Amino acid sequence: MSYTANYTDEFGHTREVSITEDDSALALQNDYREVIRKYDPKRVTFKRVQAKAGEALHLKVTVHAPSHYLTTKEDTTPKSCDSMTVDIICYPGYPLKAISAFYAADHYLASPNVFRSGNACIDTWIPFTSSLITVVDKLVRDMIHDPSVTRYDSMANSGVAQWHQDGVRSGRFPTIRPKLLYAPEMTPLPPRRTTSRPLATPPPLPKRNH
């Protein structure tokens, strides 16, 4: 089986591209591994959920940091919480096919970029540019109310826009430094000791007998 989509390059030329089922599964596997590696497990945790028919991967991503939520479509008063969870679903045909993301309808993120239904507003999906990695990065930063990922020009819930902007101006948002979401950098190896004696040229590898 193969999957196809229209791809528009940086010059505005559109053409049809396709990937095989194996290519899609491999791309998703690689991006999932990269996402797990990227974040500090004390701040961002991932739980795989049994995928349903028509799904390739279902993740619950939780940010363990102060956030705010709403409880109904009519709710306009954000409430504080110590963590926030979003569901992310990838589909067969990834990365040509877009990802979907949503919060619980009775506990969804108070954000200008989250619909009152709880569905997260993800930017336009661009094959070979958009990915699980880019989606997770935007969502985890949105969950700490990081204004660097907020789209005030394309709002899903304008009712919390002023509240969000006031939080940014007052210094309350983001609720933690975004850098704290990510895995700490690996400690560099100590510098290799040098010697004043010249290094001998290693002997050649033994030749294979035919």
Protein backbone atom coordinates (compact mmCIF):
# COMPACT_ATOMS: atom_id res chain seq x y z
CA MET A 1 0.00 0.00 0.00
CA SER A 2 1.17 3.54 -0.69
CA TYR A 3 0.00 7.01 0.35
CA THR A 4 -0.01 10.17 -1.75
CA ALA A 5 -0.32 13.90 -1.14
CA ASN A 6 0.29 17.15 -2.96
CA TYR A 7 3.55 18.82 -2.02
CA THR A 8 4.34 22.48 -2.73
CA ASP A 9 8.02 23.39 -2.69
CA GLU A 10 9.60 26.72 -1.75
CA PHE A 11 9.23 27.91 -5.35
CA GLY A 12 5.48 27.36 -5.35
CA HIS A 13 5.59 24.28 -7.57
CA THR A 14 3.08 21.59 -6.60
CA ARG A 15 3.52 17.94 -7.38
CA GLU A 16 2.18 14.64 -6.13
CA VAL A 17 4.42 12.66 -3.79
CA SER A 18 3.95 9.20 -2.38
CA ILE A 19 5.40 6.93 0.30
CA THR A 20 5.00 3.25 1.01
CA GLU A 21 3.36 1.80 4.09
CA ASP A 22 6.78 0.69 5.37
CA ASP A 23 8.25 4.17 4.81
CA SER A 24 5.36 5.70 6.75
CA ALA A 25 5.81 3.33 9.69
CA LEU A 26 9.57 3.96 9.77
CA ALA A 27 9.16 7.73 9.66
CA LEU A 28 6.71 7.62 12.55
CA GLN A 29 8.95 5.31 14.57
CA ASN A 30 11.95 7.60 14.09
CA ASP A 31 10.04 10.76 15.01
CA TYR A 32 8.51 9.10 18.07
CA ARG A 33 11.97 8.13 19.32
CA GLU A 34 13.20 11.67 18.76
CA VAL A 35 10.26 13.13 20.69
CA ILE A 36 10.89 10.84 23.67
CA ARG A 37 14.57 11.76 23.68
CA LYS A 38 13.97 15.49 23.39
CA TYR A 39 12.17 16.28 26.65
CA ASP A 40 12.98 16.09 30.34
CA PRO A 41 10.91 13.15 31.70
CA LYS A 42 10.41 15.08 34.93
CA ARG A 43 8.50 17.74 33.01
CA VAL A 44 7.05 15.97 29.98
CA THR A 45 5.79 12.39 30.00
CA PHE A 46 4.42 10.20 27.23
CA LYS A 47 1.94 7.33 27.46
CA ARG A 48 1.06 5.16 24.48
CA VAL A 49 -2.63 4.33 24.19
CA GLN A 50 -3.98 1.37 22.24
CA ALA A 51 -4.50 2.68 18.71
CA LYS A 52 -7.95 2.19 17.23
CA ALA A 53 -8.73 1.10 13.70
CA GLY A 54 -7.48 3.76 11.30
CA GLU A 55 -4.87 5.06 13.76
CA ALA A 56 -1.12 4.48 13.61
CA LEU A 57 -0.17 5.94 16.99
CA HIS A 58 -2.08 7.39 19.94
CA LEU A 59 -0.15 9.29 22.59
CA LYS A 60 -1.09 11.04 25.79
CA VAL A 61 1.40 13.82 26.44
CA THR A 62 1.44 15.39 29.89
CA VAL A 63 3.29 18.53 30.90
CA HIS A 64 4.01 18.62 34.62
CA ALA A 65 4.00 22.37 35.17
CA PRO A 66 1.46 25.05 36.14
CA SER A 67 -1.24 25.58 33.53
CA HIS A 68 -4.89 26.61 33.22
CA TYR A 69 -7.98 24.89 31.92
CA LEU A 70 -11.65 25.39 31.02
CA THR A 71 -14.48 22.94 31.70
CA THR A 72 -17.28 23.67 29.20
CA LYS A 73 -17.82 25.39 25.87
CA GLU A 74 -19.36 28.34 27.73
CA ASP A 75 -16.58 28.58 30.36
CA THR A 76 -14.58 31.82 30.19
CA THR A 77 -12.83 31.63 33.57
CA PRO A 78 -9.50 29.77 33.38
CA LYS A 79 -8.71 27.62 36.41
CA SER A 80 -5.22 26.75 37.59
CA CYS A 81 -3.80 23.22 37.64
CA ASP A 82 -0.45 21.54 38.18
CA SER A 83 -0.37 19.58 34.91
CA MET A 84 -2.09 19.34 31.55
CA THR A 85 -2.59 16.40 29.19
CA VAL A 86 -3.25 16.33 25.46
CA ASP A 87 -4.04 13.38 23.18
CA ILE A 88 -2.19 13.16 19.88
CA ILE A 89 -3.14 10.78 17.09
CA CYS A 90 -1.05 9.94 14.04
CA TYR A 91 -2.57 8.15 11.06
CA PRO A 92 -1.37 5.69 8.43
CA GLY A 93 0.31 7.72 5.72
CA TYR A 94 2.29 9.85 8.18
CA PRO A 95 4.02 12.23 7.52
CA LEU A 96 1.93 12.99 4.45
CA LYS A 97 -1.27 12.81 6.49
CA ALA A 98 -1.87 15.40 9.21
CA ILE A 99 -1.91 14.68 12.93
CA SER A 100 -4.86 15.50 15.19
CA ALA A 101 -4.69 16.60 18.83
CA PHE A 102 -7.33 17.21 21.47
CA TYR A 103 -7.90 17.78 25.17
CA ALA A 104 -10.64 16.35 27.37
CA ALA A 105 -13.82 18.33 26.72
CA ASP A 106 -14.27 19.01 30.44
CA HIS A 107 -10.60 19.85 31.11
CA TYR A 108 -9.15 21.58 28.04
CA LEU A 109 -6.31 24.04 27.85
CA ALA A 110 -7.22 27.70 28.27
CA SER A 111 -5.49 28.97 25.14
CA PRO A 112 -6.41 31.17 22.19
CA ASN A 113 -5.34 28.24 20.01
CA VAL A 114 -7.62 25.56 21.49
CA PHE A 115 -11.23 25.28 20.34
CA ARG A 116 -14.04 25.22 22.90
CA SER A 117 -14.61 21.60 21.92
CA GLY A 118 -11.15 20.77 23.25
CA ASN A 119 -9.58 20.25 19.83
CA ALA A 120 -6.15 21.80 19.48
CA CYS A 121 -5.61 24.13 16.55
CA ILE A 122 -2.58 22.83 14.69
CA ASP A 123 -0.96 24.97 12.02
CA THR A 124 -1.45 24.09 8.37
CA TRP A 125 0.08 20.67 7.76
CA ILE A 126 2.97 20.82 5.29
CA PRO A 127 4.37 17.42 4.25
CA PHE A 128 8.10 17.02 4.99
CA THR A 129 8.00 20.15 7.18
CA SER A 130 5.27 19.37 9.71
CA SER A 131 5.80 16.32 11.90
CA LEU A 132 5.07 14.71 15.23
CA ILE A 133 8.12 16.58 16.50
CA THR A 134 6.85 20.03 15.50
CA VAL A 135 3.33 19.34 16.79
CA VAL A 136 4.49 18.09 20.20
CA ASP A 137 6.84 21.04 20.55
CA LYS A 138 4.08 23.55 19.92
CA LEU A 139 1.62 21.81 22.22
CA VAL A 140 3.92 21.40 25.23
CA ARG A 141 4.92 25.06 24.99
CA ASP A 142 1.29 26.11 24.66
CA MET A 143 0.51 24.17 27.84
CA ILE A 144 2.82 26.49 29.81
CA HIS A 145 1.26 29.48 27.98
CA ASP A 146 4.44 30.32 26.10
CA PRO A 147 3.51 33.30 23.90
CA SER A 148 6.17 32.38 21.33
CA VAL A 149 3.83 29.67 19.97
CA THR A 150 0.55 31.55 20.39
CA ARG A 151 -1.22 32.57 17.19
CA TYR A 152 -3.27 35.64 18.06
CA ASP A 153 -3.88 36.14 14.34
CA SER A 154 -5.62 32.77 14.01
CA MET A 155 -7.54 32.20 17.21
CA ALA A 156 -9.72 29.21 18.05
CA ASN A 157 -10.95 30.74 21.31
CA SER A 158 -10.84 34.52 21.32
CA GLY A 159 -12.57 34.57 24.71
CA VAL A 160 -9.26 33.94 26.50
CA ALA A 161 -7.07 36.13 24.30
CA GLN A 162 -7.10 39.16 26.63
CA TRP A 163 -6.52 36.94 29.65
CA HIS A 164 -3.56 35.34 27.91
CA GLN A 165 -2.07 38.65 26.82
CA ASP A 166 -2.47 40.07 30.34
CA GLY A 167 -0.61 37.06 31.71
CA VAL A 168 2.25 37.64 29.29
CA ARG A 169 2.47 41.35 30.12
CA SER A 170 2.47 40.68 33.86
CA GLY A 171 5.22 38.08 33.56
CA ARG A 172 3.01 35.19 34.69
CA PHE A 173 3.32 33.48 31.30
CA PRO A 174 5.04 31.31 30.43
CA THR A 175 4.47 29.60 33.77
CA ILE A 176 7.99 28.09 33.70
CA ARG A 177 11.01 28.77 31.55
CA PRO A 178 10.50 26.85 28.30
CA LYS A 179 14.06 25.53 28.52
CA LEU A 180 13.01 23.44 31.53
CA LEU A 181 10.79 21.30 29.31
CA TYR A 182 13.74 19.86 27.46
CA ALA A 183 16.21 17.16 28.37
CA PRO A 184 19.37 18.57 29.94
CA GLU A 185 22.35 18.66 27.65
CA MET A 186 24.66 15.72 27.95
CA THR A 187 27.84 16.40 29.92
CA PRO A 188 30.69 16.80 27.44
CA LEU A 189 33.49 14.29 27.56
CA PRO A 190 36.73 15.51 29.20
CA PRO A 191 39.40 16.62 26.72
CA ARG A 192 41.57 13.82 25.48
CA ARG A 193 45.08 13.80 26.87
CA THR A 194 47.79 14.39 24.34
CA THR A 195 51.30 12.99 24.33
CA SER A 196 54.53 14.52 23.19
CA ARG A 197 55.50 11.24 21.58
CA PRO A 198 54.46 10.93 17.94
CA LEU A 199 51.71 8.42 17.36
CA ALA A 200 52.66 5.40 15.31
CA THR A 201 50.72 4.74 12.14
CA PRO A 202 48.38 1.84 12.82
CA PRO A 203 49.08 -1.31 10.84
CA PRO A 204 46.86 -1.97 7.83
CA LEU A 205 43.90 -4.24 8.27
CA PRO A 206 44.55 -7.84 7.26
CA LYS A 207 43.55 -8.61 3.72
CA ARG A 208 40.62 -10.94 3.18
CA ASN A 209 41.54 -14.25 1.62
CA HIS A 210 39.64 -14.99 -1.54
